[in-house]
Amino acid sequence: MKNLFFSIGAAAVLVSCGAMAGSSASKVGKAQPSLTGTKWALADNVKGKIPTLNIEGEKINGNTGCNNYFGTVKVDPSNGNFSAGQMGSTKMACDNMSVERNFMDMMGKANKYVLTGNVLELYQDNLLLLKFNKAQ
């Protein structure tokens, strides 16, 4: 029962980002700075290790909060398009597997990005899915 509440809570935290879009939503679909060579950490508070996103050329990798993941990415700064694909990950079992499943699901759904200063937002059309802060 405790895991069910945690799963629902984690999903709510990740999905609730959509309500926080504010002025960034008006930038969706417009020209954006390049993401090549950048590293990001999920901005939401989640239990355990913070999920990360590293972008290098057409490759992405990071940590889901449990497992390491990798894949390809197509980023078009001219219109802010973002598309992650061919995603794979290690297969360790951890306490926060729902965070990992939600994170990977949203990465696969993201099709737009907005980069404002040190904040990266990934969208599915105009719905904010994930919000990251620039990592060191």
N, C-alpha and C. Protein backbone atom coordinates (compact mmCIF):
# COMPACT_ATOMS: atom_id res chain seq x y z
N MET A 1 0.82 -1.19 0.00
CA MET A 1 0.00 0.00 0.00
C MET A 1 0.87 1.26 0.00
N LYS A 2 1.96 1.21 0.80
CA LYS A 2 2.88 2.33 0.87
C LYS A 2 3.49 2.61 -0.50
N ASN A 3 3.87 1.53 -1.23
CA ASN A 3 4.44 1.69 -2.56
C ASN A 3 3.44 2.28 -3.54
N LEU A 4 2.17 1.91 -3.39
CA LEU A 4 1.13 2.45 -4.26
C LEU A 4 1.02 3.96 -4.08
N PHE A 5 1.01 4.41 -2.83
CA PHE A 5 0.93 5.84 -2.57
C PHE A 5 2.16 6.57 -3.09
N PHE A 6 3.33 5.95 -2.93
CA PHE A 6 4.55 6.55 -3.44
C PHE A 6 4.51 6.65 -4.96
N SER A 7 4.04 5.58 -5.61
CA SER A 7 3.95 5.58 -7.08
C SER A 7 3.03 6.68 -7.57
N ILE A 8 1.87 6.80 -6.94
CA ILE A 8 0.91 7.82 -7.33
C ILE A 8 1.50 9.21 -7.07
N GLY A 9 2.16 9.37 -5.94
CA GLY A 9 2.78 10.66 -5.60
C GLY A 9 3.86 11.04 -6.59
N ALA A 10 4.70 10.08 -6.94
CA ALA A 10 5.79 10.35 -7.89
C ALA A 10 5.22 10.74 -9.25
N ALA A 11 4.20 10.02 -9.69
CA ALA A 11 3.57 10.35 -10.97
C ALA A 11 2.96 11.74 -10.93
N ALA A 12 2.32 12.06 -9.82
CA ALA A 12 1.70 13.38 -9.68
C ALA A 12 2.74 14.49 -9.72
N VAL A 13 3.88 14.27 -9.07
CA VAL A 13 4.94 15.27 -9.08
C VAL A 13 5.45 15.50 -10.49
N LEU A 14 5.71 14.43 -11.22
CA LEU A 14 6.24 14.57 -12.58
C LEU A 14 5.22 15.18 -13.53
N VAL A 15 3.97 14.77 -13.43
CA VAL A 15 2.94 15.28 -14.33
C VAL A 15 2.55 16.70 -13.96
N SER A 16 2.63 17.05 -12.67
CA SER A 16 2.23 18.38 -12.24
C SER A 16 3.10 19.47 -12.84
N CYS A 17 4.23 19.10 -13.36
CA CYS A 17 5.08 20.09 -14.03
C CYS A 17 4.31 20.80 -15.14
N GLY A 18 3.36 20.13 -15.75
CA GLY A 18 2.57 20.71 -16.82
C GLY A 18 1.84 21.95 -16.40
N ALA A 19 1.48 22.05 -15.13
CA ALA A 19 0.77 23.22 -14.62
C ALA A 19 1.71 24.39 -14.36
N MET A 20 3.03 24.15 -14.37
CA MET A 20 3.99 25.19 -14.03
C MET A 20 4.59 25.84 -15.27
N ALA A 21 4.08 25.60 -16.42
CA ALA A 21 4.71 26.06 -17.65
C ALA A 21 4.88 27.57 -17.71
N GLY A 22 3.89 28.34 -17.28
CA GLY A 22 3.99 29.78 -17.25
C GLY A 22 4.38 30.38 -18.58
N SER A 23 5.31 31.33 -18.53
CA SER A 23 5.69 32.05 -19.74
C SER A 23 6.54 31.20 -20.69
N SER A 24 7.16 30.13 -20.21
CA SER A 24 7.97 29.28 -21.08
C SER A 24 7.12 28.62 -22.15
N ALA A 25 5.86 28.32 -21.85
CA ALA A 25 5.00 27.65 -22.81
C ALA A 25 4.86 28.46 -24.10
N SER A 26 4.93 29.78 -24.00
CA SER A 26 4.82 30.61 -25.20
C SER A 26 6.04 30.49 -26.10
N LYS A 27 7.13 29.90 -25.60
CA LYS A 27 8.35 29.72 -26.38
C LYS A 27 8.40 28.37 -27.08
N VAL A 28 7.44 27.48 -26.79
CA VAL A 28 7.43 26.15 -27.39
C VAL A 28 7.27 26.28 -28.90
N GLY A 29 8.11 25.56 -29.65
CA GLY A 29 8.04 25.58 -31.11
C GLY A 29 8.81 26.70 -31.75
N LYS A 30 9.51 27.49 -30.94
CA LYS A 30 10.31 28.59 -31.46
C LYS A 30 11.79 28.24 -31.36
N ALA A 31 12.63 29.01 -32.03
CA ALA A 31 14.07 28.75 -32.02
C ALA A 31 14.61 28.73 -30.60
N GLN A 32 15.51 27.79 -30.33
CA GLN A 32 16.10 27.59 -29.01
C GLN A 32 17.61 27.47 -29.13
N PRO A 33 18.33 27.73 -28.03
CA PRO A 33 19.77 27.49 -28.04
C PRO A 33 20.07 25.99 -28.21
N SER A 34 21.26 25.68 -28.67
CA SER A 34 21.69 24.29 -28.84
C SER A 34 21.82 23.60 -27.48
N LEU A 35 21.57 22.30 -27.46
CA LEU A 35 21.72 21.50 -26.24
C LEU A 35 22.98 20.66 -26.24
N THR A 36 23.74 20.68 -27.32
CA THR A 36 24.94 19.84 -27.43
C THR A 36 25.93 20.16 -26.31
N GLY A 37 26.40 19.11 -25.66
CA GLY A 37 27.40 19.25 -24.61
C GLY A 37 26.85 19.75 -23.29
N THR A 38 25.56 19.53 -23.04
CA THR A 38 24.97 20.02 -21.79
C THR A 38 24.61 18.87 -20.86
N LYS A 39 24.56 19.18 -19.55
CA LYS A 39 24.21 18.20 -18.51
C LYS A 39 23.15 18.82 -17.62
N TRP A 40 22.15 17.97 -17.27
CA TRP A 40 20.98 18.45 -16.55
C TRP A 40 20.61 17.51 -15.40
N ALA A 41 19.98 18.09 -14.38
CA ALA A 41 19.45 17.32 -13.24
C ALA A 41 17.98 17.68 -13.09
N LEU A 42 17.13 16.67 -12.89
CA LEU A 42 15.69 16.90 -12.75
C LEU A 42 15.43 17.92 -11.64
N ALA A 43 14.58 18.89 -11.91
CA ALA A 43 14.32 19.97 -10.96
C ALA A 43 13.36 19.55 -9.85
N ASP A 44 12.53 18.54 -10.08
CA ASP A 44 11.55 18.11 -9.08
C ASP A 44 12.22 17.35 -7.96
N ASN A 45 11.65 17.47 -6.77
CA ASN A 45 12.12 16.68 -5.64
C ASN A 45 11.56 15.28 -5.76
N VAL A 46 12.45 14.31 -5.83
CA VAL A 46 12.05 12.91 -5.85
C VAL A 46 12.85 12.20 -4.77
N LYS A 47 12.30 11.13 -4.25
CA LYS A 47 12.97 10.36 -3.22
C LYS A 47 14.15 9.61 -3.84
N GLY A 48 15.31 9.71 -3.23
CA GLY A 48 16.47 8.99 -3.73
C GLY A 48 17.31 9.85 -4.66
N LYS A 49 18.03 9.18 -5.53
CA LYS A 49 18.94 9.83 -6.47
C LYS A 49 18.16 10.64 -7.50
N ILE A 50 18.65 11.82 -7.83
CA ILE A 50 17.99 12.71 -8.78
C ILE A 50 18.28 12.25 -10.22
N PRO A 51 17.23 12.06 -11.03
CA PRO A 51 17.45 11.70 -12.44
C PRO A 51 18.23 12.80 -13.19
N THR A 52 19.04 12.36 -14.15
CA THR A 52 19.88 13.27 -14.91
C THR A 52 19.71 13.05 -16.41
N LEU A 53 20.15 14.04 -17.17
CA LEU A 53 20.13 13.99 -18.63
C LEU A 53 21.40 14.64 -19.14
N ASN A 54 22.18 13.90 -19.91
CA ASN A 54 23.40 14.41 -20.54
C ASN A 54 23.22 14.31 -22.05
N ILE A 55 23.50 15.40 -22.74
CA ILE A 55 23.33 15.44 -24.19
C ILE A 55 24.68 15.74 -24.85
N GLU A 56 25.11 14.84 -25.71
CA GLU A 56 26.36 15.03 -26.45
C GLU A 56 26.12 14.66 -27.90
N GLY A 57 25.99 15.67 -28.73
CA GLY A 57 25.69 15.42 -30.14
C GLY A 57 24.33 14.76 -30.29
N GLU A 58 24.31 13.58 -30.91
CA GLU A 58 23.05 12.85 -31.09
C GLU A 58 22.91 11.71 -30.09
N LYS A 59 23.64 11.76 -29.01
CA LYS A 59 23.58 10.72 -27.96
C LYS A 59 23.12 11.35 -26.65
N ILE A 60 22.31 10.60 -25.91
CA ILE A 60 21.94 11.01 -24.56
C ILE A 60 22.24 9.87 -23.60
N ASN A 61 22.46 10.24 -22.35
CA ASN A 61 22.62 9.26 -21.29
C ASN A 61 22.38 9.96 -19.97
N GLY A 62 22.33 9.18 -18.93
CA GLY A 62 22.12 9.74 -17.60
C GLY A 62 21.70 8.66 -16.65
N ASN A 63 21.06 9.10 -15.56
CA ASN A 63 20.57 8.18 -14.55
C ASN A 63 19.10 8.47 -14.32
N THR A 64 18.32 7.42 -14.15
CA THR A 64 16.87 7.57 -13.96
C THR A 64 16.50 7.73 -12.49
N GLY A 65 17.48 7.77 -11.62
CA GLY A 65 17.22 7.76 -10.19
C GLY A 65 17.53 6.38 -9.64
N CYS A 66 17.71 5.42 -10.53
CA CYS A 66 18.05 4.05 -10.17
C CYS A 66 19.05 3.49 -11.17
N ASN A 67 18.64 3.35 -12.38
CA ASN A 67 19.48 2.76 -13.43
C ASN A 67 20.10 3.82 -14.33
N ASN A 68 21.19 3.47 -14.96
CA ASN A 68 21.77 4.32 -15.99
C ASN A 68 21.03 4.03 -17.30
N TYR A 69 20.83 5.07 -18.09
CA TYR A 69 20.16 4.90 -19.38
C TYR A 69 21.00 5.54 -20.48
N PHE A 70 20.64 5.21 -21.71
CA PHE A 70 21.34 5.73 -22.88
C PHE A 70 20.38 5.70 -24.05
N GLY A 71 20.68 6.46 -25.07
CA GLY A 71 19.84 6.47 -26.26
C GLY A 71 20.33 7.48 -27.26
N THR A 72 19.51 7.72 -28.25
CA THR A 72 19.82 8.72 -29.26
C THR A 72 18.86 9.90 -29.08
N VAL A 73 19.24 11.03 -29.64
CA VAL A 73 18.38 12.20 -29.56
C VAL A 73 18.54 13.01 -30.84
N LYS A 74 17.42 13.54 -31.29
CA LYS A 74 17.44 14.47 -32.41
C LYS A 74 16.92 15.80 -31.87
N VAL A 75 17.78 16.80 -31.94
CA VAL A 75 17.45 18.13 -31.44
C VAL A 75 17.57 19.11 -32.60
N ASP A 76 16.54 19.91 -32.82
CA ASP A 76 16.56 20.92 -33.87
C ASP A 76 16.36 22.29 -33.23
N PRO A 77 17.46 23.02 -32.98
CA PRO A 77 17.34 24.33 -32.35
C PRO A 77 16.52 25.34 -33.14
N SER A 78 16.39 25.17 -34.45
CA SER A 78 15.66 26.14 -35.26
C SER A 78 14.18 26.20 -34.90
N ASN A 79 13.63 25.09 -34.40
CA ASN A 79 12.21 25.08 -34.01
C ASN A 79 11.96 24.43 -32.66
N GLY A 80 13.03 24.12 -31.92
CA GLY A 80 12.88 23.55 -30.58
C GLY A 80 12.39 22.12 -30.54
N ASN A 81 12.56 21.38 -31.65
CA ASN A 81 12.14 19.98 -31.66
C ASN A 81 13.13 19.11 -30.88
N PHE A 82 12.60 18.12 -30.18
CA PHE A 82 13.39 17.20 -29.36
C PHE A 82 12.77 15.82 -29.51
N SER A 83 13.60 14.82 -29.80
CA SER A 83 13.08 13.46 -29.95
C SER A 83 14.12 12.46 -29.45
N ALA A 84 13.82 11.79 -28.34
CA ALA A 84 14.70 10.75 -27.80
C ALA A 84 14.24 9.41 -28.36
N GLY A 85 15.20 8.55 -28.68
CA GLY A 85 14.85 7.25 -29.23
C GLY A 85 15.88 6.19 -28.88
N GLN A 86 15.60 4.98 -29.28
CA GLN A 86 16.48 3.83 -29.06
C GLN A 86 16.98 3.80 -27.61
N MET A 87 16.04 3.99 -26.67
CA MET A 87 16.38 4.08 -25.25
C MET A 87 16.64 2.69 -24.68
N GLY A 88 17.66 2.59 -23.86
CA GLY A 88 17.99 1.37 -23.15
C GLY A 88 18.51 1.74 -21.78
N SER A 89 18.56 0.76 -20.88
CA SER A 89 19.06 1.04 -19.54
C SER A 89 19.57 -0.22 -18.87
N THR A 90 20.31 -0.01 -17.78
CA THR A 90 20.68 -1.13 -16.94
C THR A 90 19.41 -1.64 -16.27
N LYS A 91 19.46 -2.77 -15.60
CA LYS A 91 18.23 -3.39 -15.09
C LYS A 91 18.26 -3.70 -13.59
N MET A 92 18.81 -2.81 -12.78
CA MET A 92 18.80 -3.02 -11.34
C MET A 92 17.40 -2.74 -10.79
N ALA A 93 16.99 -3.47 -9.78
CA ALA A 93 15.73 -3.22 -9.09
C ALA A 93 16.01 -2.27 -7.92
N CYS A 94 15.21 -1.22 -7.82
CA CYS A 94 15.40 -0.22 -6.78
C CYS A 94 14.06 0.15 -6.15
N ASP A 95 14.12 0.87 -5.05
CA ASP A 95 12.91 1.28 -4.33
C ASP A 95 12.04 2.23 -5.14
N ASN A 96 12.64 3.07 -5.97
CA ASN A 96 11.88 4.11 -6.67
C ASN A 96 11.67 3.78 -8.15
N MET A 97 11.28 2.56 -8.45
CA MET A 97 11.10 2.14 -9.84
C MET A 97 9.99 2.93 -10.54
N SER A 98 8.99 3.42 -9.81
CA SER A 98 7.92 4.19 -10.45
C SER A 98 8.46 5.52 -10.98
N VAL A 99 9.41 6.12 -10.25
CA VAL A 99 10.02 7.36 -10.73
C VAL A 99 10.75 7.08 -12.04
N GLU A 100 11.48 5.97 -12.06
CA GLU A 100 12.22 5.58 -13.26
C GLU A 100 11.28 5.34 -14.44
N ARG A 101 10.22 4.59 -14.23
CA ARG A 101 9.27 4.31 -15.33
C ARG A 101 8.66 5.60 -15.85
N ASN A 102 8.24 6.48 -14.94
CA ASN A 102 7.65 7.76 -15.36
C ASN A 102 8.65 8.62 -16.12
N PHE A 103 9.88 8.67 -15.62
CA PHE A 103 10.93 9.46 -16.26
C PHE A 103 11.17 8.97 -17.69
N MET A 104 11.36 7.66 -17.85
CA MET A 104 11.63 7.10 -19.18
C MET A 104 10.43 7.29 -20.11
N ASP A 105 9.23 7.13 -19.58
CA ASP A 105 8.03 7.33 -20.38
C ASP A 105 7.95 8.77 -20.89
N MET A 106 8.21 9.72 -20.02
CA MET A 106 8.13 11.12 -20.42
C MET A 106 9.25 11.51 -21.36
N MET A 107 10.44 10.93 -21.18
CA MET A 107 11.53 11.20 -22.13
C MET A 107 11.12 10.75 -23.53
N GLY A 108 10.45 9.61 -23.61
CA GLY A 108 10.01 9.09 -24.91
C GLY A 108 8.90 9.91 -25.54
N LYS A 109 8.11 10.59 -24.73
CA LYS A 109 6.99 11.40 -25.24
C LYS A 109 7.41 12.82 -25.61
N ALA A 110 8.50 13.30 -25.07
CA ALA A 110 8.92 14.69 -25.30
C ALA A 110 9.19 14.92 -26.79
N ASN A 111 8.63 16.03 -27.31
CA ASN A 111 8.88 16.37 -28.72
C ASN A 111 9.28 17.83 -28.92
N LYS A 112 9.34 18.58 -27.84
CA LYS A 112 9.76 19.99 -27.90
C LYS A 112 10.60 20.31 -26.67
N TYR A 113 11.45 21.33 -26.80
CA TYR A 113 12.19 21.78 -25.64
C TYR A 113 12.25 23.30 -25.61
N VAL A 114 12.38 23.83 -24.40
CA VAL A 114 12.59 25.26 -24.19
C VAL A 114 13.76 25.39 -23.23
N LEU A 115 14.75 26.17 -23.62
CA LEU A 115 15.93 26.42 -22.79
C LEU A 115 15.94 27.89 -22.41
N THR A 116 15.79 28.16 -21.13
CA THR A 116 15.79 29.52 -20.62
C THR A 116 16.84 29.61 -19.52
N GLY A 117 17.96 30.25 -19.80
CA GLY A 117 19.04 30.35 -18.82
C GLY A 117 19.56 28.98 -18.43
N ASN A 118 19.44 28.65 -17.16
CA ASN A 118 19.92 27.36 -16.64
C ASN A 118 18.80 26.36 -16.45
N VAL A 119 17.68 26.55 -17.13
CA VAL A 119 16.52 25.66 -17.00
C VAL A 119 16.15 25.10 -18.37
N LEU A 120 16.04 23.77 -18.43
CA LEU A 120 15.60 23.06 -19.63
C LEU A 120 14.24 22.44 -19.34
N GLU A 121 13.28 22.72 -20.21
CA GLU A 121 11.95 22.12 -20.09
C GLU A 121 11.68 21.27 -21.32
N LEU A 122 11.20 20.04 -21.08
CA LEU A 122 10.81 19.15 -22.17
C LEU A 122 9.29 19.06 -22.21
N TYR A 123 8.74 19.21 -23.40
CA TYR A 123 7.30 19.25 -23.60
C TYR A 123 6.84 18.14 -24.54
N GLN A 124 5.58 17.77 -24.40
CA GLN A 124 4.86 17.01 -25.41
C GLN A 124 3.87 18.03 -25.97
N ASP A 125 4.16 18.55 -27.13
CA ASP A 125 3.41 19.66 -27.70
C ASP A 125 3.48 20.83 -26.73
N ASN A 126 2.38 21.25 -26.10
CA ASN A 126 2.40 22.36 -25.15
C ASN A 126 2.31 21.91 -23.69
N LEU A 127 2.39 20.62 -23.43
CA LEU A 127 2.31 20.09 -22.07
C LEU A 127 3.71 19.87 -21.51
N LEU A 128 4.04 20.56 -20.45
CA LEU A 128 5.35 20.42 -19.81
C LEU A 128 5.44 19.05 -19.15
N LEU A 129 6.44 18.26 -19.55
CA LEU A 129 6.64 16.92 -19.00
C LEU A 129 7.73 16.88 -17.95
N LEU A 130 8.89 17.45 -18.27
CA LEU A 130 10.05 17.37 -17.38
C LEU A 130 10.75 18.73 -17.34
N LYS A 131 11.23 19.07 -16.16
CA LYS A 131 11.96 20.32 -15.98
C LYS A 131 13.29 20.00 -15.32
N PHE A 132 14.38 20.50 -15.91
CA PHE A 132 15.74 20.23 -15.44
C PHE A 132 16.45 21.53 -15.11
N ASN A 133 17.39 21.43 -14.16
CA ASN A 133 18.31 22.51 -13.88
C ASN A 133 19.68 22.11 -14.42
N LYS A 134 20.43 23.10 -14.89
CA LYS A 134 21.76 22.82 -15.42
C LYS A 134 22.64 22.21 -14.34
N ALA A 135 23.35 21.14 -14.68
CA ALA A 135 24.24 20.48 -13.74
C ALA A 135 25.67 20.94 -14.00
N GLN A 136 26.50 20.81 -13.01
CA GLN A 136 27.90 21.24 -13.12
C GLN A 136 28.71 20.28 -13.92
